[in-house]
Amino acid sequence: MENAKQTKDIKVMIAEDHEIVRTGLKLLFHGAPDIKIVSEVDNGKEAVDRVGLVRPDVILMDVTMPVMDGIEATDHILSRYKDAKVIMLTSDGSERTVMAALSCGASGYCLKDVSPDRLFAGIRLVHEGDVWIDSAVAKVIVKETDSPEPGKITTKRSSAGMPAIKSNKAVQTELSEREQEVLSLIVEGFSNQKIADQLHISIDTVKTHIRHIMEKLSVSDRTQAAVKAIRDKIV
């Protein structure tokens, strides 16, 4: 009997309307033996219909697609499958598109020119239950919130009950030094285990810090905490 640890492939669905992009992504994943493409669709409605059949671990969702766009499709998917994990892809990098992608509750956000290694790492992080915001997207968030009237991001999901993330640089977060360290690592895409390893603390301690961070920032999940940290330049 082999003692080697058996690892399951990460099942990925690609939702992208351009065939050349789908083909390119499939070729890229040849360099990631632990990631397996189980389905590909060319519009958001088909993605919504197919998820229940193939049950992918992670969905790579293009923002702009015919029939139904990726943002609406993600909203439908997350309302039906609470454990679904979606990484939004966008090509133009405009503030409007990125902020719209951030509004739909996905677990990851990146531009289509992301390097293969970063995409692979992001998929693995999201599969583990963590949040991944690529650095290029983070820069767009900062640019958006440096506008004269940043106000707040009003999202489709916040209007349905999820609290909107307010941008208020005057608010004192009162984060401890350790909580700031943990928040910085969340923004960088570290998993709970990697945060524990980096800071030489236990997983339970990491979870406690994250709970306190979310309470102090008045957010309900790691995605909102990461976005607010970047926007308000907390870290």
C-alpha atoms as a PDB file:
ATOM      1  CA  MET A   1       0.000   0.000   0.000  1.00  0.00           C
ATOM      2  CA  GLU A   2       1.328   3.400  -0.905  1.00  0.00           C
ATOM      3  CA  ASN A   3       1.813   5.861   1.932  1.00  0.00           C
ATOM      4  CA  ALA A   4       1.818   8.876  -0.324  1.00  0.00           C
ATOM      5  CA  LYS A   5      -0.948  11.328   0.437  1.00  0.00           C
ATOM      6  CA  GLN A   6      -3.702  11.207  -2.144  1.00  0.00           C
ATOM      7  CA  THR A   7      -4.918  14.623  -3.223  1.00  0.00           C
ATOM      8  CA  LYS A   8      -8.093  15.309  -5.150  1.00  0.00           C
ATOM      9  CA  ASP A   9      -8.010  17.382  -8.298  1.00  0.00           C
ATOM     10  CA  ILE A  10      -9.565  20.836  -8.125  1.00  0.00           C
ATOM     11  CA  LYS A  11     -12.498  20.742 -10.542  1.00  0.00           C
ATOM     12  CA  VAL A  12     -12.807  23.972 -12.519  1.00  0.00           C
ATOM     13  CA  MET A  13     -15.532  25.277 -14.810  1.00  0.00           C
ATOM     14  CA  ILE A  14     -14.605  27.941 -17.374  1.00  0.00           C
ATOM     15  CA  ALA A  15     -17.343  30.438 -18.274  1.00  0.00           C
ATOM     16  CA  GLU A  16     -15.957  32.523 -21.151  1.00  0.00           C
ATOM     17  CA  ASP A  17     -17.551  33.508 -24.452  1.00  0.00           C
ATOM     18  CA  HIS A  18     -14.336  33.694 -26.495  1.00  0.00           C
ATOM     19  CA  GLU A  19     -13.235  30.267 -27.682  1.00  0.00           C
ATOM     20  CA  ILE A  20      -9.613  31.361 -28.073  1.00  0.00           C
ATOM     21  CA  VAL A  21      -9.513  32.375 -24.397  1.00  0.00           C
ATOM     22  CA  ARG A  22     -11.064  29.075 -23.293  1.00  0.00           C
ATOM     23  CA  THR A  23      -8.523  27.195 -25.387  1.00  0.00           C
ATOM     24  CA  GLY A  24      -5.679  29.232 -23.923  1.00  0.00           C
ATOM     25  CA  LEU A  25      -6.843  28.587 -20.367  1.00  0.00           C
ATOM     26  CA  LYS A  26      -7.086  24.853 -21.001  1.00  0.00           C
ATOM     27  CA  LEU A  27      -3.533  24.848 -22.341  1.00  0.00           C
ATOM     28  CA  LEU A  28      -2.336  26.796 -19.299  1.00  0.00           C
ATOM     29  CA  PHE A  29      -3.777  24.229 -16.928  1.00  0.00           C
ATOM     30  CA  HIS A  30      -1.538  21.558 -18.415  1.00  0.00           C
ATOM     31  CA  GLY A  31       1.053  23.163 -16.141  1.00  0.00           C
ATOM     32  CA  ALA A  32      -1.105  22.575 -13.073  1.00  0.00           C
ATOM     33  CA  PRO A  33      -1.628  18.818 -12.637  1.00  0.00           C
ATOM     34  CA  ASP A  34      -3.881  19.314  -9.596  1.00  0.00           C
ATOM     35  CA  ILE A  35      -6.392  21.440 -11.545  1.00  0.00           C
ATOM     36  CA  LYS A  36      -8.857  19.726 -13.882  1.00  0.00           C
ATOM     37  CA  ILE A  37     -11.245  21.428 -16.312  1.00  0.00           C
ATOM     38  CA  VAL A  38     -14.602  19.653 -15.947  1.00  0.00           C
ATOM     39  CA  SER A  39     -16.799  21.966 -18.003  1.00  0.00           C
ATOM     40  CA  GLU A  40     -16.696  25.006 -20.261  1.00  0.00           C
ATOM     41  CA  VAL A  41     -19.561  27.284 -21.246  1.00  0.00           C
ATOM     42  CA  ASP A  42     -19.817  30.409 -23.375  1.00  0.00           C
ATOM     43  CA  ASN A  43     -22.466  32.435 -21.550  1.00  0.00           C
ATOM     44  CA  GLY A  44     -23.652  33.159 -18.039  1.00  0.00           C
ATOM     45  CA  LYS A  45     -27.021  31.410 -18.318  1.00  0.00           C
ATOM     46  CA  GLU A  46     -25.361  28.193 -19.391  1.00  0.00           C
ATOM     47  CA  ALA A  47     -23.004  28.515 -16.425  1.00  0.00           C
ATOM     48  CA  VAL A  48     -25.970  28.795 -14.045  1.00  0.00           C
ATOM     49  CA  ASP A  49     -27.641  25.763 -15.634  1.00  0.00           C
ATOM     50  CA  ARG A  50     -24.486  23.641 -15.707  1.00  0.00           C
ATOM     51  CA  VAL A  51     -23.176  24.191 -12.167  1.00  0.00           C
ATOM     52  CA  GLY A  52     -25.725  21.860 -10.596  1.00  0.00           C
ATOM     53  CA  LEU A  53     -24.774  19.089 -13.012  1.00  0.00           C
ATOM     54  CA  VAL A  54     -20.979  19.160 -12.788  1.00  0.00           C
ATOM     55  CA  ARG A  55     -20.560  20.737  -9.304  1.00  0.00           C
ATOM     56  CA  PRO A  56     -17.177  22.373  -9.955  1.00  0.00           C
ATOM     57  CA  ASP A  57     -14.962  23.328  -7.027  1.00  0.00           C
ATOM     58  CA  VAL A  58     -14.108  26.685  -8.611  1.00  0.00           C
ATOM     59  CA  ILE A  59     -15.735  28.619 -11.453  1.00  0.00           C
ATOM     60  CA  LEU A  60     -13.655  30.982 -13.591  1.00  0.00           C
ATOM     61  CA  MET A  61     -16.286  33.515 -14.627  1.00  0.00           C
ATOM     62  CA  ASP A  62     -15.816  36.098 -17.368  1.00  0.00           C
ATOM     63  CA  VAL A  63     -17.523  39.383 -16.536  1.00  0.00           C
ATOM     64  CA  THR A  64     -18.757  40.240 -20.043  1.00  0.00           C
ATOM     65  CA  MET A  65     -20.716  37.462 -21.789  1.00  0.00           C
ATOM     66  CA  PRO A  66     -23.840  37.231 -23.969  1.00  0.00           C
ATOM     67  CA  VAL A  67     -27.290  36.069 -22.785  1.00  0.00           C
ATOM     68  CA  MET A  68     -26.352  36.670 -19.139  1.00  0.00           C
ATOM     69  CA  ASP A  69     -23.222  38.457 -17.915  1.00  0.00           C
ATOM     70  CA  GLY A  70     -20.860  36.974 -15.365  1.00  0.00           C
ATOM     71  CA  ILE A  71     -21.947  39.240 -12.536  1.00  0.00           C
ATOM     72  CA  GLU A  72     -25.616  38.278 -12.821  1.00  0.00           C
ATOM     73  CA  ALA A  73     -24.673  34.625 -13.317  1.00  0.00           C
ATOM     74  CA  THR A  74     -22.521  34.666 -10.187  1.00  0.00           C
ATOM     75  CA  ASP A  75     -25.364  36.199  -8.195  1.00  0.00           C
ATOM     76  CA  HIS A  76     -27.713  33.415  -9.341  1.00  0.00           C
ATOM     77  CA  ILE A  77     -25.156  30.697  -8.635  1.00  0.00           C
ATOM     78  CA  LEU A  78     -24.285  31.929  -5.149  1.00  0.00           C
ATOM     79  CA  SER A  79     -27.953  32.253  -4.232  1.00  0.00           C
ATOM     80  CA  ARG A  80     -28.551  28.609  -5.198  1.00  0.00           C
ATOM     81  CA  TYR A  81     -25.261  27.012  -4.149  1.00  0.00           C
ATOM     82  CA  LYS A  82     -23.961  28.574  -0.950  1.00  0.00           C
ATOM     83  CA  ASP A  83     -20.677  26.653  -1.121  1.00  0.00           C
ATOM     84  CA  ALA A  84     -19.908  27.710  -4.704  1.00  0.00           C
ATOM     85  CA  LYS A  85     -16.609  29.492  -5.280  1.00  0.00           C
ATOM     86  CA  VAL A  86     -16.249  31.931  -8.159  1.00  0.00           C
ATOM     87  CA  ILE A  87     -13.222  33.798  -9.473  1.00  0.00           C
ATOM     88  CA  MET A  88     -14.207  36.765 -11.624  1.00  0.00           C
ATOM     89  CA  LEU A  89     -12.155  37.534 -14.726  1.00  0.00           C
ATOM     90  CA  THR A  90     -12.107  40.896 -16.477  1.00  0.00           C
ATOM     91  CA  SER A  91     -10.090  42.206 -19.397  1.00  0.00           C
ATOM     92  CA  ASP A  92     -10.512  45.974 -19.462  1.00  0.00           C
ATOM     93  CA  GLY A  93      -9.417  46.815 -15.912  1.00  0.00           C
ATOM     94  CA  SER A  94     -11.707  49.852 -15.693  1.00  0.00           C
ATOM     95  CA  GLU A  95     -12.834  50.998 -12.258  1.00  0.00           C
ATOM     96  CA  ARG A  96     -16.480  50.477 -13.159  1.00  0.00           C
ATOM     97  CA  THR A  97     -15.972  46.876 -14.290  1.00  0.00           C
ATOM     98  CA  VAL A  98     -13.753  45.916 -11.376  1.00  0.00           C
ATOM     99  CA  MET A  99     -16.070  47.448  -8.785  1.00  0.00           C
ATOM    100  CA  ALA A 100     -19.043  45.707 -10.406  1.00  0.00           C
ATOM    101  CA  ALA A 101     -17.164  42.418 -10.194  1.00  0.00           C
ATOM    102  CA  LEU A 102     -16.437  43.083  -6.530  1.00  0.00           C
ATOM    103  CA  SER A 103     -20.150  43.579  -5.894  1.00  0.00           C
ATOM    104  CA  CYS A 104     -21.361  40.093  -6.712  1.00  0.00           C
ATOM    105  CA  GLY A 105     -19.893  38.199  -3.771  1.00  0.00           C
ATOM    106  CA  ALA A 106     -17.298  36.108  -5.611  1.00  0.00           C
ATOM    107  CA  SER A 107     -14.260  34.708  -3.809  1.00  0.00           C
ATOM    108  CA  GLY A 108     -11.609  35.926  -6.227  1.00  0.00           C
ATOM    109  CA  TYR A 109     -10.957  38.748  -8.666  1.00  0.00           C
ATOM    110  CA  CYS A 110      -8.270  39.077 -11.315  1.00  0.00           C
ATOM    111  CA  LEU A 111      -7.503  40.579 -14.691  1.00  0.00           C
ATOM    112  CA  LYS A 112      -7.110  38.294 -17.683  1.00  0.00           C
ATOM    113  CA  ASP A 113      -3.435  39.168 -18.079  1.00  0.00           C
ATOM    114  CA  VAL A 114      -2.638  37.563 -14.715  1.00  0.00           C
ATOM    115  CA  SER A 115       0.379  35.256 -14.837  1.00  0.00           C
ATOM    116  CA  PRO A 116      -0.323  31.500 -14.934  1.00  0.00           C
ATOM    117  CA  ASP A 117       1.409  30.896 -11.609  1.00  0.00           C
ATOM    118  CA  ARG A 118      -0.645  33.581  -9.872  1.00  0.00           C
ATOM    119  CA  LEU A 119      -3.853  32.215 -11.381  1.00  0.00           C
ATOM    120  CA  PHE A 120      -3.001  28.689 -10.227  1.00  0.00           C
ATOM    121  CA  ALA A 121      -2.199  29.964  -6.737  1.00  0.00           C
ATOM    122  CA  GLY A 122      -5.425  31.981  -6.668  1.00  0.00           C
ATOM    123  CA  ILE A 123      -7.528  28.973  -7.650  1.00  0.00           C
ATOM    124  CA  ARG A 124      -5.923  26.900  -4.902  1.00  0.00           C
ATOM    125  CA  LEU A 125      -6.518  29.612  -2.304  1.00  0.00           C
ATOM    126  CA  VAL A 126     -10.161  30.035  -3.279  1.00  0.00           C
ATOM    127  CA  HIS A 127     -10.632  26.262  -3.277  1.00  0.00           C
ATOM    128  CA  GLU A 128      -9.339  26.205   0.309  1.00  0.00           C
ATOM    129  CA  GLY A 129     -11.999  28.723   1.280  1.00  0.00           C
ATOM    130  CA  ASP A 130      -9.922  31.874   1.209  1.00  0.00           C
ATOM    131  CA  VAL A 131     -10.234  35.133  -0.690  1.00  0.00           C
ATOM    132  CA  TRP A 132      -7.913  36.106  -3.527  1.00  0.00           C
ATOM    133  CA  ILE A 133      -7.707  39.645  -4.874  1.00  0.00           C
ATOM    134  CA  ASP A 134      -4.957  39.982  -7.467  1.00  0.00           C
ATOM    135  CA  SER A 135      -2.615  42.921  -6.955  1.00  0.00           C
ATOM    136  CA  ALA A 136      -3.653  44.524 -10.264  1.00  0.00           C
ATOM    137  CA  VAL A 137      -7.266  44.562  -9.070  1.00  0.00           C
ATOM    138  CA  ALA A 138      -6.210  45.996  -5.706  1.00  0.00           C
ATOM    139  CA  LYS A 139      -4.617  48.951  -7.505  1.00  0.00           C
ATOM    140  CA  VAL A 140      -7.895  49.644  -9.305  1.00  0.00           C
ATOM    141  CA  ILE A 141      -9.764  49.595  -5.984  1.00  0.00           C
ATOM    142  CA  VAL A 142      -7.352  52.130  -4.533  1.00  0.00           C
ATOM    143  CA  LYS A 143      -7.693  54.347  -7.624  1.00  0.00           C
ATOM    144  CA  GLU A 144     -11.488  54.173  -7.404  1.00  0.00           C
ATOM    145  CA  THR A 145     -11.599  55.091  -3.738  1.00  0.00           C
ATOM    146  CA  ASP A 146      -9.144  57.971  -4.161  1.00  0.00           C
ATOM    147  CA  SER A 147     -11.791  59.772  -6.245  1.00  0.00           C
ATOM    148  CA  PRO A 148     -13.171  63.073  -4.822  1.00  0.00           C
ATOM    149  CA  GLU A 149     -16.426  61.458  -3.701  1.00  0.00           C
ATOM    150  CA  PRO A 150     -15.736  57.825  -2.862  1.00  0.00           C
ATOM    151  CA  GLY A 151     -18.911  57.471  -0.826  1.00  0.00           C
ATOM    152  CA  LYS A 152     -19.741  53.821  -0.566  1.00  0.00           C
ATOM    153  CA  ILE A 153     -20.038  50.863  -2.875  1.00  0.00           C
ATOM    154  CA  THR A 154     -23.707  50.034  -3.316  1.00  0.00           C
ATOM    155  CA  THR A 155     -23.948  46.496  -4.583  1.00  0.00           C
ATOM    156  CA  LYS A 156     -26.676  44.245  -5.835  1.00  0.00           C
ATOM    157  CA  ARG A 157     -26.008  41.815  -3.014  1.00  0.00           C
ATOM    158  CA  SER A 158     -25.924  44.526  -0.348  1.00  0.00           C
ATOM    159  CA  SER A 159     -29.358  45.717  -1.413  1.00  0.00           C
ATOM    160  CA  ALA A 160     -30.563  42.142  -0.940  1.00  0.00           C
ATOM    161  CA  GLY A 161     -29.386  42.009   2.630  1.00  0.00           C
ATOM    162  CA  MET A 162     -25.602  41.849   2.597  1.00  0.00           C
ATOM    163  CA  PRO A 163     -24.192  44.947   4.293  1.00  0.00           C
ATOM    164  CA  ALA A 164     -22.594  47.460   1.952  1.00  0.00           C
ATOM    165  CA  ILE A 165     -18.956  48.309   2.594  1.00  0.00           C
ATOM    166  CA  LYS A 166     -18.663  51.942   3.588  1.00  0.00           C
ATOM    167  CA  SER A 167     -15.575  53.945   2.761  1.00  0.00           C
ATOM    168  CA  ASN A 168     -14.755  56.269   5.642  1.00  0.00           C
ATOM    169  CA  LYS A 169     -11.100  57.071   6.160  1.00  0.00           C
ATOM    170  CA  ALA A 170     -11.903  59.026   9.320  1.00  0.00           C
ATOM    171  CA  VAL A 171     -13.128  55.924  11.141  1.00  0.00           C
ATOM    172  CA  GLN A 172     -10.661  54.591  13.683  1.00  0.00           C
ATOM    173  CA  THR A 173     -10.474  50.836  13.228  1.00  0.00           C
ATOM    174  CA  GLU A 174      -8.665  50.256  16.512  1.00  0.00           C
ATOM    175  CA  LEU A 175      -6.940  47.193  15.146  1.00  0.00           C
ATOM    176  CA  SER A 176      -4.134  45.825  17.260  1.00  0.00           C
ATOM    177  CA  GLU A 177      -0.677  45.436  15.752  1.00  0.00           C
ATOM    178  CA  ARG A 178      -1.228  41.688  15.420  1.00  0.00           C
ATOM    179  CA  GLU A 179      -4.631  42.202  13.800  1.00  0.00           C
ATOM    180  CA  GLN A 180      -3.047  44.564  11.268  1.00  0.00           C
ATOM    181  CA  GLU A 181      -0.477  41.878  10.467  1.00  0.00           C
ATOM    182  CA  VAL A 182      -3.229  39.302   9.949  1.00  0.00           C
ATOM    183  CA  LEU A 183      -5.250  41.710   7.801  1.00  0.00           C
ATOM    184  CA  SER A 184      -2.198  42.447   5.635  1.00  0.00           C
ATOM    185  CA  LEU A 185      -1.762  38.730   4.992  1.00  0.00           C
ATOM    186  CA  ILE A 186      -5.454  38.332   4.152  1.00  0.00           C
ATOM    187  CA  VAL A 187      -5.059  41.083   1.545  1.00  0.00           C
ATOM    188  CA  GLU A 188      -2.042  39.238   0.132  1.00  0.00           C
ATOM    189  CA  GLY A 189      -4.187  36.116  -0.261  1.00  0.00           C
ATOM    190  CA  PHE A 190      -2.747  34.006   2.552  1.00  0.00           C
ATOM    191  CA  SER A 191      -4.853  31.097   3.795  1.00  0.00           C
ATOM    192  CA  ASN A 192      -5.498  30.696   7.530  1.00  0.00           C
ATOM    193  CA  GLN A 193      -2.851  27.991   7.699  1.00  0.00           C
ATOM    194  CA  LYS A 194      -0.290  30.140   5.908  1.00  0.00           C
ATOM    195  CA  ILE A 195      -1.056  33.065   8.206  1.00  0.00           C
ATOM    196  CA  ALA A 196      -0.531  30.778  11.194  1.00  0.00           C
ATOM    197  CA  ASP A 197       2.778  29.561   9.773  1.00  0.00           C
ATOM    198  CA  GLN A 198       3.946  33.067   8.899  1.00  0.00           C
ATOM    199  CA  LEU A 199       3.154  34.510  12.332  1.00  0.00           C
ATOM    200  CA  HIS A 200       3.981  31.345  14.312  1.00  0.00           C
ATOM    201  CA  ILE A 201       0.554  31.162  15.921  1.00  0.00           C
ATOM    202  CA  SER A 202      -2.203  28.538  15.961  1.00  0.00           C
ATOM    203  CA  ILE A 203      -5.075  28.267  13.480  1.00  0.00           C
ATOM    204  CA  ASP A 204      -7.543  28.951  16.291  1.00  0.00           C
ATOM    205  CA  THR A 205      -5.688  32.162  17.151  1.00  0.00           C
ATOM    206  CA  VAL A 206      -5.809  33.230  13.503  1.00  0.00           C
ATOM    207  CA  LYS A 207      -9.563  32.627  13.395  1.00  0.00           C
ATOM    208  CA  THR A 208     -10.012  34.671  16.569  1.00  0.00           C
ATOM    209  CA  HIS A 209      -8.028  37.568  15.091  1.00  0.00           C
ATOM    210  CA  ILE A 210     -10.089  37.421  11.887  1.00  0.00           C
ATOM    211  CA  ARG A 211     -13.335  37.474  13.852  1.00  0.00           C
ATOM    212  CA  HIS A 212     -12.151  40.544  15.769  1.00  0.00           C
ATOM    213  CA  ILE A 213     -11.018  42.220  12.537  1.00  0.00           C
ATOM    214  CA  MET A 214     -14.427  41.730  10.915  1.00  0.00           C
ATOM    215  CA  GLU A 215     -16.173  43.080  14.011  1.00  0.00           C
ATOM    216  CA  LYS A 216     -13.971  46.190  14.124  1.00  0.00           C
ATOM    217  CA  LEU A 217     -14.301  46.869  10.402  1.00  0.00           C
ATOM    218  CA  SER A 218     -18.071  46.228  10.474  1.00  0.00           C
ATOM    219  CA  VAL A 219     -17.875  43.682   7.669  1.00  0.00           C
ATOM    220  CA  SER A 220     -19.292  40.181   7.387  1.00  0.00           C
ATOM    221  CA  ASP A 221     -16.606  38.241   5.538  1.00  0.00           C
ATOM    222  CA  ARG A 222     -12.944  38.149   4.513  1.00  0.00           C
ATOM    223  CA  THR A 223     -13.653  39.585   1.069  1.00  0.00           C
ATOM    224  CA  GLN A 224     -15.185  42.723   2.521  1.00  0.00           C
ATOM    225  CA  ALA A 225     -12.364  42.993   5.068  1.00  0.00           C
ATOM    226  CA  ALA A 226      -9.732  42.792   2.320  1.00  0.00           C
ATOM    227  CA  VAL A 227     -11.515  45.316   0.104  1.00  0.00           C
ATOM    228  CA  LYS A 228     -12.001  47.770   2.963  1.00  0.00           C
ATOM    229  CA  ALA A 229      -8.363  47.391   4.030  1.00  0.00           C
ATOM    230  CA  ILE A 230      -7.187  48.263   0.523  1.00  0.00           C
ATOM    231  CA  ARG A 231      -9.707  51.052  -0.030  1.00  0.00           C
ATOM    232  CA  ASP A 232      -9.194  52.808   3.276  1.00  0.00           C
ATOM    233  CA  LYS A 233      -5.432  52.179   3.284  1.00  0.00           C
ATOM    234  CA  ILE A 234      -5.632  50.445   6.652  1.00  0.00           C
ATOM    235  CA  VAL A 235      -2.675  48.236   5.735  1.00  0.00           C
END
